[in-house]
C-alpha atoms as a PDB file:
ATOM      1  CA  UNK A   1     138.733 120.239  98.356  1.00  0.00           C
ATOM      2  CA  UNK A   2     136.905 120.388  95.013  1.00  0.00           C
ATOM      3  CA  UNK A   3     136.464 116.598  95.092  1.00  0.00           C
ATOM      4  CA  UNK A   4     134.908 116.826  98.560  1.00  0.00           C
ATOM      5  CA  UNK A   5     132.455 119.500  97.376  1.00  0.00           C
ATOM      6  CA  UNK A   6     131.514 117.343  94.400  1.00  0.00           C
ATOM      7  CA  UNK A   7     130.963 114.330  96.674  1.00  0.00           C
ATOM      8  CA  UNK A   8     128.817 116.429  99.041  1.00  0.00           C
ATOM      9  CA  UNK A   9     126.752 117.633  96.075  1.00  0.00           C
ATOM     10  CA  UNK A  10     126.184 114.024  94.965  1.00  0.00           C
ATOM     11  CA  UNK A  11     125.091 113.045  98.473  1.00  0.00           C
ATOM     12  CA  UNK A  12     122.758 116.045  98.663  1.00  0.00           C
ATOM     13  CA  UNK A  13     121.241 115.159  95.284  1.00  0.00           C
ATOM     14  CA  UNK A  14     120.582 111.576  96.433  1.00  0.00           C
ATOM     15  CA  UNK A  15     118.989 112.849  99.644  1.00  0.00           C
ATOM     16  CA  UNK A  16     116.698 115.238  97.757  1.00  0.00           C
ATOM     17  CA  UNK A  17     115.711 112.499  95.306  1.00  0.00           C
ATOM     18  CA  UNK A  18     114.767 110.098  98.103  1.00  0.00           C
ATOM     19  CA  UNK A  19     112.839 112.761 100.001  1.00  0.00           C
ATOM     20  CA  UNK A  20     110.888 113.536  96.836  1.00  0.00           C
ATOM     21  CA  UNK A  21     110.024 109.832  96.521  1.00  0.00           C
ATOM     22  CA  UNK A  22     108.772 109.773 100.140  1.00  0.00           C
ATOM     23  CA  UNK A  23     106.709 112.978  99.925  1.00  0.00           C
ATOM     24  CA  UNK A  24     103.640 111.511  98.142  1.00  0.00           C
ATOM     25  CA  UNK A  25     103.073 109.121 101.061  1.00  0.00           C
ATOM     26  CA  UNK A  26     103.023 112.010 103.515  1.00  0.00           C
ATOM     27  CA  UNK A  27     100.927 114.163 101.187  1.00  0.00           C
ATOM     28  CA  UNK A  28      98.350 111.393 100.967  1.00  0.00           C
ATOM     29  CA  UNK A  29      97.671 111.971 104.686  1.00  0.00           C
ATOM     30  CA  UNK A  30      97.757 115.781 104.424  1.00  0.00           C
ATOM     31  CA  UNK A  31     101.388 116.224 105.461  1.00  0.00           C
ATOM     32  CA  UNK A  32     104.619 116.999 103.694  1.00  0.00           C
ATOM     33  CA  UNK A  33     108.376 117.229 104.221  1.00  0.00           C
ATOM     34  CA  UNK A  34     110.771 119.792 102.781  1.00  0.00           C
ATOM     35  CA  UNK A  35     114.539 119.404 102.479  1.00  0.00           C
ATOM     36  CA  UNK A  36     116.282 122.354 104.159  1.00  0.00           C
ATOM     37  CA  UNK A  37     120.013 121.569 104.192  1.00  0.00           C
ATOM     38  CA  UNK A  38     122.677 119.014 104.990  1.00  0.00           C
ATOM     39  CA  UNK A  39     125.621 119.668 107.285  1.00  0.00           C
ATOM     40  CA  UNK A  40     128.206 117.196 108.577  1.00  0.00           C
ATOM     41  CA  UNK A  41     126.084 114.212 107.562  1.00  0.00           C
ATOM     42  CA  UNK A  42     122.919 115.487 109.254  1.00  0.00           C
ATOM     43  CA  UNK A  43     119.923 116.115 106.990  1.00  0.00           C
ATOM     44  CA  UNK A  44     117.646 118.945 108.135  1.00  0.00           C
ATOM     45  CA  UNK A  45     114.019 118.869 107.043  1.00  0.00           C
ATOM     46  CA  UNK A  46     110.888 120.863 107.750  1.00  0.00           C
ATOM     47  CA  UNK A  47     107.635 119.028 108.356  1.00  0.00           C
ATOM     48  CA  UNK A  48     104.533 120.679 106.947  1.00  0.00           C
ATOM     49  CA  UNK A  49     100.765 120.328 106.858  1.00  0.00           C
ATOM     50  CA  UNK A  50      99.265 117.555 108.973  1.00  0.00           C
ATOM     51  CA  UNK A  51     102.773 116.456 110.040  1.00  0.00           C
ATOM     52  CA  UNK A  52     103.087 119.570 112.190  1.00  0.00           C
ATOM     53  CA  UNK A  53     101.892 118.601 115.636  1.00  0.00           C
ATOM     54  CA  UNK A  54     101.104 115.012 114.626  1.00  0.00           C
ATOM     55  CA  UNK A  55     101.890 112.560 117.432  1.00  0.00           C
ATOM     56  CA  UNK A  56     103.399 110.158 114.880  1.00  0.00           C
ATOM     57  CA  UNK A  57     105.633 112.762 113.224  1.00  0.00           C
ATOM     58  CA  UNK A  58     108.763 111.834 115.187  1.00  0.00           C
ATOM     59  CA  UNK A  59     108.218 108.160 114.425  1.00  0.00           C
ATOM     60  CA  UNK A  60     107.743 108.932 110.733  1.00  0.00           C
ATOM     61  CA  UNK A  61     110.860 111.084 110.762  1.00  0.00           C
ATOM     62  CA  UNK A  62     113.182 108.655 112.566  1.00  0.00           C
ATOM     63  CA  UNK A  63     111.887 105.209 111.629  1.00  0.00           C
ATOM     64  CA  UNK A  64     110.671 106.179 108.181  1.00  0.00           C
ATOM     65  CA  UNK A  65     112.622 108.935 106.483  1.00  0.00           C
ATOM     66  CA  UNK A  66     115.851 108.608 108.487  1.00  0.00           C
ATOM     67  CA  UNK A  67     115.940 104.818 108.131  1.00  0.00           C
ATOM     68  CA  UNK A  68     115.619 105.091 104.349  1.00  0.00           C
ATOM     69  CA  UNK A  69     118.304 107.780 104.095  1.00  0.00           C
ATOM     70  CA  UNK A  70     120.724 105.865 106.345  1.00  0.00           C
ATOM     71  CA  UNK A  71     120.280 102.731 104.264  1.00  0.00           C
ATOM     72  CA  UNK A  72     120.416 104.346 100.836  1.00  0.00           C
ATOM     73  CA  UNK A  73     122.856 107.258 101.148  1.00  0.00           C
ATOM     74  CA  UNK A  74     126.398 106.708 102.445  1.00  0.00           C
ATOM     75  CA  UNK A  75     127.488 109.808 104.333  1.00  0.00           C
ATOM     76  CA  UNK A  76     124.140 110.481 106.001  1.00  0.00           C
ATOM     77  CA  UNK A  77     124.370 109.916 109.761  1.00  0.00           C
ATOM     78  CA  UNK A  78     121.038 111.309 110.924  1.00  0.00           C
ATOM     79  CA  UNK A  79     118.038 113.547 110.383  1.00  0.00           C
ATOM     80  CA  UNK A  80     116.723 116.522 112.337  1.00  0.00           C
ATOM     81  CA  UNK A  81     113.591 118.600 111.931  1.00  0.00           C
ATOM     82  CA  UNK A  82     113.625 122.369 111.932  1.00  0.00           C
ATOM     83  CA  UNK A  83     110.727 124.684 112.646  1.00  0.00           C
END
């Protein structure tokens, strides 16, 4: 059990690190993304600024952020936005 918690913490740390590397690209266009939580391999994020209501936000989320997380972080199976 303790090993599983430690592994989850490592995964969460990797996710947060990658999101922080992605943020400047969104901020450059007036948007932003905030890590909220991770449960059962799903990463929950909140889009902010110009990303809210942007027609390309879902594309950025799925084909940008999610693709990077799926490739770089074993254990991540998807991404969802929260309001």
